[in-house]
Amino acid sequence: MLWIPVTVSAALLQTVRFLLQKRLKDTGLSTGAASYARFLFAAPFAVVFALLAWGSSGLGWPDTPAMFWVFALGGGVGQILGTLATLALFGERNFAVGMAFTKTETLQVALFSAVVLGEAVSPLALGAILLGVAGILTLSRKPGSASLLSRSAALGIAAGAGFGVSAIGYRGATLALGEGSAFLRAAFTLACVTSFQTLAMGLWLSLRERGAILRVARAWRVTAVIGLSGMLASLCWFTAFALQNATYVRAVGQVEMVFTIAASWIVFRERITPREYLGIALVLGSILLLVLTLR
C-alpha cells in the first residue's frame, strides 16, 4: 500500500504548485506563461535527479521501446492541455471550486484505463469513485444556479480529460520500461516527459507570445520554486502510477480537494460554504471506502 502515502504526498505538493502558479498569474503573466513556469525549471531538476538515481543504482540505462515514447509523449501533451485549462478556470470561479471541476477526471481515467491499458476497476471500487464524483459535483455547482452547463464546467471537463490522458500515458510509460524499481522508472519517465514539455511549450510560447519566456525567467524567484514543487509532485505521481492502477491513484488523489479548500481559506481568505463542506465529506468518504475496498 506504499502507493497511498505517495499519492497523498503528490496531491499536497501539487496544491502548493497551483497556489504558486495562481500567485504568478496574478502578477500579470498570461495563462500560457504561468503554465510554462511549471515546466521550465522542473526539467533541469528532473534530469539531474534521474541521472543521480540511475547512476547510483548500479543498473544500466533503461531500454526505451517505441510504446514508451507513445505513452510518455501522449501523457506530456495531455498534461500541458490540462494545465492550461485549469489555469483558465481561475478567472471563472474561486480557486477551490475551480479546482473541483478538474476532478471529473477520475471517471475519465477509469474509462481510459479500461480501454487503453485493459485495467478495469471492481464494482465496489467503482461505487467509491462514484461517491467521490458526487462530492465533486456538489463542490462544483455554481451558487444560485441549478445547471452545471457553463464555461467553467466545460473547462473543468477539458482539464479532467487532459489530466486523465496524462495519467494513463504515464502509467503506460512506466510499465513499458520493464526494468528497475518503480521509483527509478518514474524518475526516468519524468525526466523524458518534462524535457519534452519544456521544448514543446517553449516553441508554442515563442510563436504566440513574444517575450513570454523572458518574463517567466525574470520571475525566477517564484518560478524556480514552482518548478521544484512541480517536479517533486510529478515524481510522486509517476511513482504511484508505476505501483498501482491509475484510476485508484487518481481517486485517492482527490484528497487534493481538502488541501485546496484549506488553502483557499488560509491563503486567499475565501469563504467556504456549507455545500462545499458537504462535498468535502463525500470526497473523503469515497477515498476511505476505496482504500478499505482495496485492502
C-alpha atoms as a PDB file:
ATOM      1  CA  MET A   1       0.000   0.000   0.000  1.00  0.00           C
ATOM      2  CA  LEU A   2       3.012   2.278  -0.443  1.00  0.00           C
ATOM      3  CA  TRP A   3       1.205   3.982  -3.314  1.00  0.00           C
ATOM      4  CA  ILE A   4      -1.296   5.607  -0.903  1.00  0.00           C
ATOM      5  CA  PRO A   5       1.136   7.844   1.067  1.00  0.00           C
ATOM      6  CA  VAL A   6       2.989   8.547  -2.182  1.00  0.00           C
ATOM      7  CA  THR A   7      -0.274   9.696  -3.783  1.00  0.00           C
ATOM      8  CA  VAL A   8      -1.207  11.883  -0.804  1.00  0.00           C
ATOM      9  CA  SER A   9       2.242  13.491  -0.975  1.00  0.00           C
ATOM     10  CA  ALA A  10       1.730  14.143  -4.684  1.00  0.00           C
ATOM     11  CA  ALA A  11      -1.627  15.812  -4.009  1.00  0.00           C
ATOM     12  CA  LEU A  12      -0.144  18.064  -1.323  1.00  0.00           C
ATOM     13  CA  LEU A  13       2.800  19.116  -3.487  1.00  0.00           C
ATOM     14  CA  GLN A  14       0.502  19.731  -6.448  1.00  0.00           C
ATOM     15  CA  THR A  15      -1.648  22.032  -4.341  1.00  0.00           C
ATOM     16  CA  VAL A  16       1.461  24.013  -3.416  1.00  0.00           C
ATOM     17  CA  ARG A  17       2.401  24.284  -7.100  1.00  0.00           C
ATOM     18  CA  PHE A  18      -1.037  25.517  -8.172  1.00  0.00           C
ATOM     19  CA  LEU A  19      -1.035  28.069  -5.348  1.00  0.00           C
ATOM     20  CA  LEU A  20       2.271  29.439  -6.584  1.00  0.00           C
ATOM     21  CA  GLN A  21       1.031  29.448 -10.186  1.00  0.00           C
ATOM     22  CA  LYS A  22      -2.083  31.360  -9.175  1.00  0.00           C
ATOM     23  CA  ARG A  23       0.093  33.950  -7.454  1.00  0.00           C
ATOM     24  CA  LEU A  24       2.277  34.127 -10.553  1.00  0.00           C
ATOM     25  CA  LYS A  25      -0.713  34.591 -12.860  1.00  0.00           C
ATOM     26  CA  ASP A  26      -1.986  37.369 -10.577  1.00  0.00           C
ATOM     27  CA  THR A  27       1.209  39.302 -11.401  1.00  0.00           C
ATOM     28  CA  GLY A  28       0.030  39.745 -14.993  1.00  0.00           C
ATOM     29  CA  LEU A  29       1.584  36.752 -16.745  1.00  0.00           C
ATOM     30  CA  SER A  30      -0.648  35.110 -19.332  1.00  0.00           C
ATOM     31  CA  THR A  31      -2.125  31.650 -18.839  1.00  0.00           C
ATOM     32  CA  GLY A  32       0.469  30.177 -21.183  1.00  0.00           C
ATOM     33  CA  ALA A  33       3.388  31.885 -19.453  1.00  0.00           C
ATOM     34  CA  ALA A  34       2.185  30.872 -15.990  1.00  0.00           C
ATOM     35  CA  SER A  35       1.836  27.297 -17.252  1.00  0.00           C
ATOM     36  CA  TYR A  36       5.319  27.333 -18.750  1.00  0.00           C
ATOM     37  CA  ALA A  37       6.791  28.260 -15.367  1.00  0.00           C
ATOM     38  CA  ARG A  38       5.777  24.806 -14.178  1.00  0.00           C
ATOM     39  CA  PHE A  39       7.866  23.144 -16.913  1.00  0.00           C
ATOM     40  CA  LEU A  40      10.844  25.464 -17.422  1.00  0.00           C
ATOM     41  CA  PHE A  41      12.511  24.833 -14.080  1.00  0.00           C
ATOM     42  CA  ALA A  42      11.099  21.342 -13.490  1.00  0.00           C
ATOM     43  CA  ALA A  43      13.025  19.824 -16.412  1.00  0.00           C
ATOM     44  CA  PRO A  44      16.566  20.546 -15.109  1.00  0.00           C
ATOM     45  CA  PHE A  45      15.622  19.268 -11.651  1.00  0.00           C
ATOM     46  CA  ALA A  46      14.094  16.108 -13.145  1.00  0.00           C
ATOM     47  CA  VAL A  47      17.027  15.350 -15.460  1.00  0.00           C
ATOM     48  CA  VAL A  48      19.642  15.792 -12.722  1.00  0.00           C
ATOM     49  CA  PHE A  49      17.587  13.695 -10.325  1.00  0.00           C
ATOM     50  CA  ALA A  50      17.172  10.867 -12.863  1.00  0.00           C
ATOM     51  CA  LEU A  51      20.901  10.855 -13.636  1.00  0.00           C
ATOM     52  CA  LEU A  52      21.760  10.649  -9.939  1.00  0.00           C
ATOM     53  CA  ALA A  53      19.142   7.987  -9.211  1.00  0.00           C
ATOM     54  CA  TRP A  54      20.087   5.683 -12.083  1.00  0.00           C
ATOM     55  CA  GLY A  55      23.799   6.366 -11.671  1.00  0.00           C
ATOM     56  CA  SER A  56      23.717   5.245  -8.049  1.00  0.00           C
ATOM     57  CA  SER A  57      21.515   2.207  -8.750  1.00  0.00           C
ATOM     58  CA  GLY A  58      24.206   0.131 -10.442  1.00  0.00           C
ATOM     59  CA  LEU A  59      21.833  -0.617 -13.324  1.00  0.00           C
ATOM     60  CA  GLY A  60      22.445   0.251 -16.934  1.00  0.00           C
ATOM     61  CA  TRP A  61      20.433   2.987 -18.649  1.00  0.00           C
ATOM     62  CA  PRO A  62      16.968   1.513 -19.403  1.00  0.00           C
ATOM     63  CA  ASP A  63      15.890   0.431 -22.872  1.00  0.00           C
ATOM     64  CA  THR A  64      13.099   2.581 -24.294  1.00  0.00           C
ATOM     65  CA  PRO A  65      10.721   0.666 -26.581  1.00  0.00           C
ATOM     66  CA  ALA A  66       8.535   2.565 -29.036  1.00  0.00           C
ATOM     67  CA  MET A  67       5.456   2.255 -26.807  1.00  0.00           C
ATOM     68  CA  PHE A  68       7.306   4.027 -24.009  1.00  0.00           C
ATOM     69  CA  TRP A  69       7.609   7.136 -26.175  1.00  0.00           C
ATOM     70  CA  VAL A  70       3.992   6.883 -27.358  1.00  0.00           C
ATOM     71  CA  PHE A  71       2.726   6.795 -23.774  1.00  0.00           C
ATOM     72  CA  ALA A  72       5.225   9.318 -22.390  1.00  0.00           C
ATOM     73  CA  LEU A  73       4.759  11.972 -25.081  1.00  0.00           C
ATOM     74  CA  GLY A  74       0.994  11.456 -25.218  1.00  0.00           C
ATOM     75  CA  GLY A  75       0.818  11.914 -21.464  1.00  0.00           C
ATOM     76  CA  GLY A  76       3.003  15.010 -21.714  1.00  0.00           C
ATOM     77  CA  VAL A  77       0.668  16.660 -24.219  1.00  0.00           C
ATOM     78  CA  GLY A  78      -2.359  15.769 -22.091  1.00  0.00           C
ATOM     79  CA  GLN A  79      -0.796  17.372 -19.023  1.00  0.00           C
ATOM     80  CA  ILE A  80       0.016  20.576 -20.904  1.00  0.00           C
ATOM     81  CA  LEU A  81      -3.573  20.908 -22.104  1.00  0.00           C
ATOM     82  CA  GLY A  82      -4.938  20.053 -18.664  1.00  0.00           C
ATOM     83  CA  THR A  83      -2.730  22.664 -17.000  1.00  0.00           C
ATOM     84  CA  LEU A  84      -3.783  25.377 -19.462  1.00  0.00           C
ATOM     85  CA  ALA A  85      -7.464  24.603 -18.923  1.00  0.00           C
ATOM     86  CA  THR A  86      -7.018  24.589 -15.140  1.00  0.00           C
ATOM     87  CA  LEU A  87      -5.338  27.991 -15.072  1.00  0.00           C
ATOM     88  CA  ALA A  88      -8.084  29.377 -17.312  1.00  0.00           C
ATOM     89  CA  LEU A  89     -10.575  28.236 -14.660  1.00  0.00           C
ATOM     90  CA  PHE A  90      -9.117  30.667 -12.132  1.00  0.00           C
ATOM     91  CA  GLY A  91     -10.749  33.534 -13.985  1.00  0.00           C
ATOM     92  CA  GLU A  92     -14.162  31.841 -13.913  1.00  0.00           C
ATOM     93  CA  ARG A  93     -14.651  30.710 -10.302  1.00  0.00           C
ATOM     94  CA  ASN A  94     -12.860  30.979  -6.955  1.00  0.00           C
ATOM     95  CA  PHE A  95      -9.730  28.876  -6.555  1.00  0.00           C
ATOM     96  CA  ALA A  96     -11.190  25.986  -4.528  1.00  0.00           C
ATOM     97  CA  VAL A  97     -14.313  25.408  -6.615  1.00  0.00           C
ATOM     98  CA  GLY A  98     -12.441  25.988  -9.881  1.00  0.00           C
ATOM     99  CA  MET A  99     -10.090  23.170  -8.936  1.00  0.00           C
ATOM    100  CA  ALA A 100     -13.081  20.941  -8.180  1.00  0.00           C
ATOM    101  CA  PHE A 101     -14.144  20.972 -11.827  1.00  0.00           C
ATOM    102  CA  THR A 102     -10.879  19.313 -12.849  1.00  0.00           C
ATOM    103  CA  LYS A 103     -11.638  16.280 -10.689  1.00  0.00           C
ATOM    104  CA  THR A 104     -14.145  14.976 -13.196  1.00  0.00           C
ATOM    105  CA  GLU A 105     -11.027  13.245 -14.484  1.00  0.00           C
ATOM    106  CA  THR A 106     -11.467  10.228 -12.166  1.00  0.00           C
ATOM    107  CA  LEU A 107     -14.273   8.653 -14.190  1.00  0.00           C
ATOM    108  CA  GLN A 108     -12.480   9.575 -17.402  1.00  0.00           C
ATOM    109  CA  VAL A 109      -9.338   7.836 -16.130  1.00  0.00           C
ATOM    110  CA  ALA A 110     -11.391   4.731 -15.322  1.00  0.00           C
ATOM    111  CA  LEU A 111     -12.698   4.680 -18.901  1.00  0.00           C
ATOM    112  CA  PHE A 112      -9.307   5.387 -20.498  1.00  0.00           C
ATOM    113  CA  SER A 113      -7.616   2.802 -18.272  1.00  0.00           C
ATOM    114  CA  ALA A 114     -10.044   0.054 -19.236  1.00  0.00           C
ATOM    115  CA  VAL A 115      -9.861   0.858 -22.959  1.00  0.00           C
ATOM    116  CA  VAL A 116      -6.139   1.601 -23.349  1.00  0.00           C
ATOM    117  CA  LEU A 117      -4.449  -0.488 -20.644  1.00  0.00           C
ATOM    118  CA  GLY A 118      -7.095  -3.147 -20.059  1.00  0.00           C
ATOM    119  CA  GLU A 119      -7.195  -2.323 -16.331  1.00  0.00           C
ATOM    120  CA  ALA A 120     -10.815  -2.303 -15.195  1.00  0.00           C
ATOM    121  CA  VAL A 121     -11.984  -1.434 -11.670  1.00  0.00           C
ATOM    122  CA  SER A 122     -14.059  -3.617  -9.344  1.00  0.00           C
ATOM    123  CA  PRO A 123     -17.766  -2.844  -8.748  1.00  0.00           C
ATOM    124  CA  LEU A 124     -17.097  -1.791  -5.129  1.00  0.00           C
ATOM    125  CA  ALA A 125     -14.241   0.456  -6.197  1.00  0.00           C
ATOM    126  CA  LEU A 126     -16.458   1.977  -8.886  1.00  0.00           C
ATOM    127  CA  GLY A 127     -19.056   2.711  -6.213  1.00  0.00           C
ATOM    128  CA  ALA A 128     -16.432   4.528  -4.158  1.00  0.00           C
ATOM    129  CA  ILE A 129     -15.354   6.509  -7.216  1.00  0.00           C
ATOM    130  CA  LEU A 130     -18.961   7.491  -7.986  1.00  0.00           C
ATOM    131  CA  LEU A 131     -19.356   8.722  -4.405  1.00  0.00           C
ATOM    132  CA  GLY A 132     -16.308  10.893  -4.940  1.00  0.00           C
ATOM    133  CA  VAL A 133     -17.716  12.235  -8.196  1.00  0.00           C
ATOM    134  CA  ALA A 134     -20.924  13.136  -6.340  1.00  0.00           C
ATOM    135  CA  GLY A 135     -18.793  15.099  -3.913  1.00  0.00           C
ATOM    136  CA  ILE A 136     -17.014  16.846  -6.748  1.00  0.00           C
ATOM    137  CA  LEU A 137     -20.302  17.797  -8.410  1.00  0.00           C
ATOM    138  CA  THR A 138     -21.519  19.150  -5.072  1.00  0.00           C
ATOM    139  CA  LEU A 139     -18.403  21.278  -4.818  1.00  0.00           C
ATOM    140  CA  SER A 140     -18.609  22.377  -8.430  1.00  0.00           C
ATOM    141  CA  ARG A 141     -22.195  23.556  -8.520  1.00  0.00           C
ATOM    142  CA  LYS A 142     -22.454  27.299  -9.098  1.00  0.00           C
ATOM    143  CA  PRO A 143     -24.261  29.101  -6.250  1.00  0.00           C
ATOM    144  CA  GLY A 144     -27.743  30.211  -7.265  1.00  0.00           C
ATOM    145  CA  SER A 145     -27.818  28.025 -10.356  1.00  0.00           C
ATOM    146  CA  ALA A 146     -29.217  24.537 -10.931  1.00  0.00           C
ATOM    147  CA  SER A 147     -27.178  23.957 -14.057  1.00  0.00           C
ATOM    148  CA  LEU A 148     -23.606  22.774 -14.487  1.00  0.00           C
ATOM    149  CA  LEU A 149     -23.687  23.624 -18.201  1.00  0.00           C
ATOM    150  CA  SER A 150     -21.349  26.590 -18.088  1.00  0.00           C
ATOM    151  CA  ARG A 151     -17.982  27.701 -19.358  1.00  0.00           C
ATOM    152  CA  SER A 152     -16.466  26.672 -16.023  1.00  0.00           C
ATOM    153  CA  ALA A 153     -17.882  23.163 -16.367  1.00  0.00           C
ATOM    154  CA  ALA A 154     -16.582  22.857 -19.932  1.00  0.00           C
ATOM    155  CA  LEU A 155     -13.103  23.988 -18.918  1.00  0.00           C
ATOM    156  CA  GLY A 156     -13.142  21.619 -15.956  1.00  0.00           C
ATOM    157  CA  ILE A 157     -14.148  18.643 -18.074  1.00  0.00           C
ATOM    158  CA  ALA A 158     -11.467  19.530 -20.624  1.00  0.00           C
ATOM    159  CA  ALA A 159      -8.871  19.807 -17.863  1.00  0.00           C
ATOM    160  CA  GLY A 160     -10.004  16.485 -16.439  1.00  0.00           C
ATOM    161  CA  ALA A 161      -9.679  14.831 -19.832  1.00  0.00           C
ATOM    162  CA  GLY A 162      -6.175  16.229 -20.268  1.00  0.00           C
ATOM    163  CA  PHE A 163      -5.052  15.021 -16.857  1.00  0.00           C
ATOM    164  CA  GLY A 164      -6.806  11.707 -17.465  1.00  0.00           C
ATOM    165  CA  VAL A 165      -4.841  11.160 -20.663  1.00  0.00           C
ATOM    166  CA  SER A 166      -1.645  12.085 -18.825  1.00  0.00           C
ATOM    167  CA  ALA A 167      -2.348   9.579 -16.032  1.00  0.00           C
ATOM    168  CA  ILE A 168      -2.841   6.730 -18.485  1.00  0.00           C
ATOM    169  CA  GLY A 169       0.166   7.816 -20.523  1.00  0.00           C
ATOM    170  CA  TYR A 170       2.477   7.949 -17.527  1.00  0.00           C
ATOM    171  CA  ARG A 171       1.366   4.591 -16.138  1.00  0.00           C
ATOM    172  CA  GLY A 172       1.756   3.045 -19.581  1.00  0.00           C
ATOM    173  CA  ALA A 173       5.228   4.558 -19.943  1.00  0.00           C
ATOM    174  CA  THR A 174       6.481   3.323 -16.570  1.00  0.00           C
ATOM    175  CA  LEU A 175       5.149  -0.161 -17.304  1.00  0.00           C
ATOM    176  CA  ALA A 176       6.712  -0.149 -20.782  1.00  0.00           C
ATOM    177  CA  LEU A 177      10.209   0.318 -19.344  1.00  0.00           C
ATOM    178  CA  GLY A 178      10.002  -3.026 -17.570  1.00  0.00           C
ATOM    179  CA  GLU A 179      13.301  -2.782 -15.656  1.00  0.00           C
ATOM    180  CA  GLY A 180      14.290  -1.048 -12.453  1.00  0.00           C
ATOM    181  CA  SER A 181      12.221  -0.242  -9.385  1.00  0.00           C
ATOM    182  CA  ALA A 182       9.012   1.763  -9.612  1.00  0.00           C
ATOM    183  CA  PHE A 183      10.899   4.779  -8.281  1.00  0.00           C
ATOM    184  CA  LEU A 184      13.674   4.522 -10.891  1.00  0.00           C
ATOM    185  CA  ARG A 185      11.214   4.029 -13.753  1.00  0.00           C
ATOM    186  CA  ALA A 186       9.231   7.021 -12.524  1.00  0.00           C
ATOM    187  CA  ALA A 187      12.352   9.206 -12.353  1.00  0.00           C
ATOM    188  CA  PHE A 188      13.436   8.291 -15.892  1.00  0.00           C
ATOM    189  CA  THR A 189       9.955   8.798 -17.338  1.00  0.00           C
ATOM    190  CA  LEU A 190       9.626  12.148 -15.575  1.00  0.00           C
ATOM    191  CA  ALA A 191      12.941  13.393 -16.983  1.00  0.00           C
ATOM    192  CA  CYS A 192      11.887  12.484 -20.526  1.00  0.00           C
ATOM    193  CA  VAL A 193       8.400  13.963 -20.208  1.00  0.00           C
ATOM    194  CA  THR A 194       9.401  17.270 -18.603  1.00  0.00           C
ATOM    195  CA  SER A 195      12.179  17.799 -21.157  1.00  0.00           C
ATOM    196  CA  PHE A 196       9.678  17.299 -23.984  1.00  0.00           C
ATOM    197  CA  GLN A 197       7.123  19.575 -22.314  1.00  0.00           C
ATOM    198  CA  THR A 198       9.682  22.340 -21.835  1.00  0.00           C
ATOM    199  CA  LEU A 199      10.667  22.241 -25.507  1.00  0.00           C
ATOM    200  CA  ALA A 200       7.076  21.999 -26.775  1.00  0.00           C
ATOM    201  CA  MET A 201       5.726  24.771 -24.548  1.00  0.00           C
ATOM    202  CA  GLY A 202       8.776  26.931 -25.268  1.00  0.00           C
ATOM    203  CA  LEU A 203       8.217  26.658 -29.020  1.00  0.00           C
ATOM    204  CA  TRP A 204       4.497  27.373 -28.645  1.00  0.00           C
ATOM    205  CA  LEU A 205       5.102  30.412 -26.436  1.00  0.00           C
ATOM    206  CA  SER A 206       7.807  31.816 -28.709  1.00  0.00           C
ATOM    207  CA  LEU A 207       5.355  31.742 -31.620  1.00  0.00           C
ATOM    208  CA  ARG A 208       2.319  33.093 -29.746  1.00  0.00           C
ATOM    209  CA  GLU A 209       3.693  35.406 -27.057  1.00  0.00           C
ATOM    210  CA  ARG A 210       6.914  37.222 -27.836  1.00  0.00           C
ATOM    211  CA  GLY A 211       8.931  37.849 -24.689  1.00  0.00           C
ATOM    212  CA  ALA A 212       6.867  35.486 -22.515  1.00  0.00           C
ATOM    213  CA  ILE A 213       9.780  33.129 -21.803  1.00  0.00           C
ATOM    214  CA  LEU A 214      11.944  36.053 -20.748  1.00  0.00           C
ATOM    215  CA  ARG A 215       9.217  37.294 -18.391  1.00  0.00           C
ATOM    216  CA  VAL A 216       8.984  33.837 -16.818  1.00  0.00           C
ATOM    217  CA  ALA A 217      12.768  33.716 -16.393  1.00  0.00           C
ATOM    218  CA  ARG A 218      12.802  37.162 -14.771  1.00  0.00           C
ATOM    219  CA  ALA A 219      10.364  35.886 -12.148  1.00  0.00           C
ATOM    220  CA  TRP A 220      12.781  33.079 -11.276  1.00  0.00           C
ATOM    221  CA  ARG A 221      12.408  33.505  -7.521  1.00  0.00           C
ATOM    222  CA  VAL A 222       8.860  32.196  -7.832  1.00  0.00           C
ATOM    223  CA  THR A 223       9.159  30.105 -10.999  1.00  0.00           C
ATOM    224  CA  ALA A 224      12.111  28.090  -9.686  1.00  0.00           C
ATOM    225  CA  VAL A 225      10.086  27.097  -6.623  1.00  0.00           C
ATOM    226  CA  ILE A 226       7.161  26.235  -8.906  1.00  0.00           C
ATOM    227  CA  GLY A 227       9.466  24.023 -10.950  1.00  0.00           C
ATOM    228  CA  LEU A 228      10.864  22.234  -7.901  1.00  0.00           C
ATOM    229  CA  SER A 229       7.472  21.645  -6.296  1.00  0.00           C
ATOM    230  CA  GLY A 230       6.087  20.540  -9.658  1.00  0.00           C
ATOM    231  CA  MET A 231       8.948  18.108 -10.193  1.00  0.00           C
ATOM    232  CA  LEU A 232       8.509  16.575  -6.733  1.00  0.00           C
ATOM    233  CA  ALA A 233       4.733  16.307  -7.194  1.00  0.00           C
ATOM    234  CA  SER A 234       5.168  14.655 -10.591  1.00  0.00           C
ATOM    235  CA  LEU A 235       7.783  12.252  -9.225  1.00  0.00           C
ATOM    236  CA  CYS A 236       5.295  11.131  -6.580  1.00  0.00           C
ATOM    237  CA  TRP A 237       2.509  10.794  -9.161  1.00  0.00           C
ATOM    238  CA  PHE A 238       4.714   8.820 -11.542  1.00  0.00           C
ATOM    239  CA  THR A 239       5.868   6.511  -8.750  1.00  0.00           C
ATOM    240  CA  ALA A 240       2.267   5.889  -7.686  1.00  0.00           C
ATOM    241  CA  PHE A 241       1.291   5.146 -11.298  1.00  0.00           C
ATOM    242  CA  ALA A 242       4.139   2.645 -11.541  1.00  0.00           C
ATOM    243  CA  LEU A 243       2.793   0.887  -8.435  1.00  0.00           C
ATOM    244  CA  GLN A 244      -0.980   0.907  -8.931  1.00  0.00           C
ATOM    245  CA  ASN A 245      -3.892   1.219 -11.374  1.00  0.00           C
ATOM    246  CA  ALA A 246      -4.102   4.875 -12.453  1.00  0.00           C
ATOM    247  CA  THR A 247      -7.823   5.008 -11.613  1.00  0.00           C
ATOM    248  CA  TYR A 248      -7.204   4.157  -7.967  1.00  0.00           C
ATOM    249  CA  VAL A 249      -4.304   6.598  -7.775  1.00  0.00           C
ATOM    250  CA  ARG A 250      -6.407   9.456  -9.125  1.00  0.00           C
ATOM    251  CA  ALA A 251      -9.316   8.530  -6.849  1.00  0.00           C
ATOM    252  CA  VAL A 252      -7.150   8.754  -3.722  1.00  0.00           C
ATOM    253  CA  GLY A 253      -5.542  11.859  -5.204  1.00  0.00           C
ATOM    254  CA  GLN A 254      -8.870  13.646  -4.770  1.00  0.00           C
ATOM    255  CA  VAL A 255      -7.645  14.367  -1.243  1.00  0.00           C
ATOM    256  CA  GLU A 256      -6.074  17.344  -3.006  1.00  0.00           C
ATOM    257  CA  MET A 257      -9.510  18.973  -2.736  1.00  0.00           C
ATOM    258  CA  VAL A 258      -9.155  19.056   1.040  1.00  0.00           C
ATOM    259  CA  PHE A 259      -5.766  20.733   0.715  1.00  0.00           C
ATOM    260  CA  THR A 260      -7.211  23.164  -1.836  1.00  0.00           C
ATOM    261  CA  ILE A 261     -10.159  24.117   0.373  1.00  0.00           C
ATOM    262  CA  ALA A 262      -7.777  24.700   3.267  1.00  0.00           C
ATOM    263  CA  ALA A 263      -5.540  26.829   1.052  1.00  0.00           C
ATOM    264  CA  SER A 264      -8.459  28.895  -0.244  1.00  0.00           C
ATOM    265  CA  TRP A 265      -9.461  29.671   3.332  1.00  0.00           C
ATOM    266  CA  ILE A 266      -5.989  30.236   4.817  1.00  0.00           C
ATOM    267  CA  VAL A 267      -4.169  31.885   1.905  1.00  0.00           C
ATOM    268  CA  PHE A 268      -6.875  33.598  -0.172  1.00  0.00           C
ATOM    269  CA  ARG A 269      -9.396  34.205   2.639  1.00  0.00           C
ATOM    270  CA  GLU A 270     -12.184  32.733   0.540  1.00  0.00           C
ATOM    271  CA  ARG A 271     -15.387  31.772   2.351  1.00  0.00           C
ATOM    272  CA  ILE A 272     -16.245  28.071   2.409  1.00  0.00           C
ATOM    273  CA  THR A 273     -19.970  27.345   2.081  1.00  0.00           C
ATOM    274  CA  PRO A 274     -21.977  24.513   3.715  1.00  0.00           C
ATOM    275  CA  ARG A 275     -22.367  22.952   0.263  1.00  0.00           C
ATOM    276  CA  GLU A 276     -18.593  22.811  -0.078  1.00  0.00           C
ATOM    277  CA  TYR A 277     -18.232  21.181   3.332  1.00  0.00           C
ATOM    278  CA  LEU A 278     -20.732  18.526   2.242  1.00  0.00           C
ATOM    279  CA  GLY A 279     -18.735  17.965  -0.923  1.00  0.00           C
ATOM    280  CA  ILE A 280     -15.538  17.577   1.094  1.00  0.00           C
ATOM    281  CA  ALA A 281     -17.212  14.963   3.310  1.00  0.00           C
ATOM    282  CA  LEU A 282     -18.348  12.978   0.266  1.00  0.00           C
ATOM    283  CA  VAL A 283     -14.883  13.098  -1.310  1.00  0.00           C
ATOM    284  CA  LEU A 284     -13.153  11.988   1.890  1.00  0.00           C
ATOM    285  CA  GLY A 285     -15.749   9.257   2.381  1.00  0.00           C
ATOM    286  CA  SER A 286     -15.140   7.963  -1.134  1.00  0.00           C
ATOM    287  CA  ILE A 287     -11.379   7.830  -0.558  1.00  0.00           C
ATOM    288  CA  LEU A 288     -11.820   5.941   2.720  1.00  0.00           C
ATOM    289  CA  LEU A 289     -14.227   3.490   1.082  1.00  0.00           C
ATOM    290  CA  LEU A 290     -11.851   2.937  -1.826  1.00  0.00           C
ATOM    291  CA  VAL A 291      -8.896   2.257   0.486  1.00  0.00           C
ATOM    292  CA  LEU A 292     -10.953  -0.222   2.533  1.00  0.00           C
ATOM    293  CA  THR A 293     -12.119  -1.905  -0.682  1.00  0.00           C
ATOM    294  CA  LEU A 294      -8.552  -2.425  -1.904  1.00  0.00           C
ATOM    295  CA  ARG A 295      -7.195  -3.836   1.368  1.00  0.00           C
END
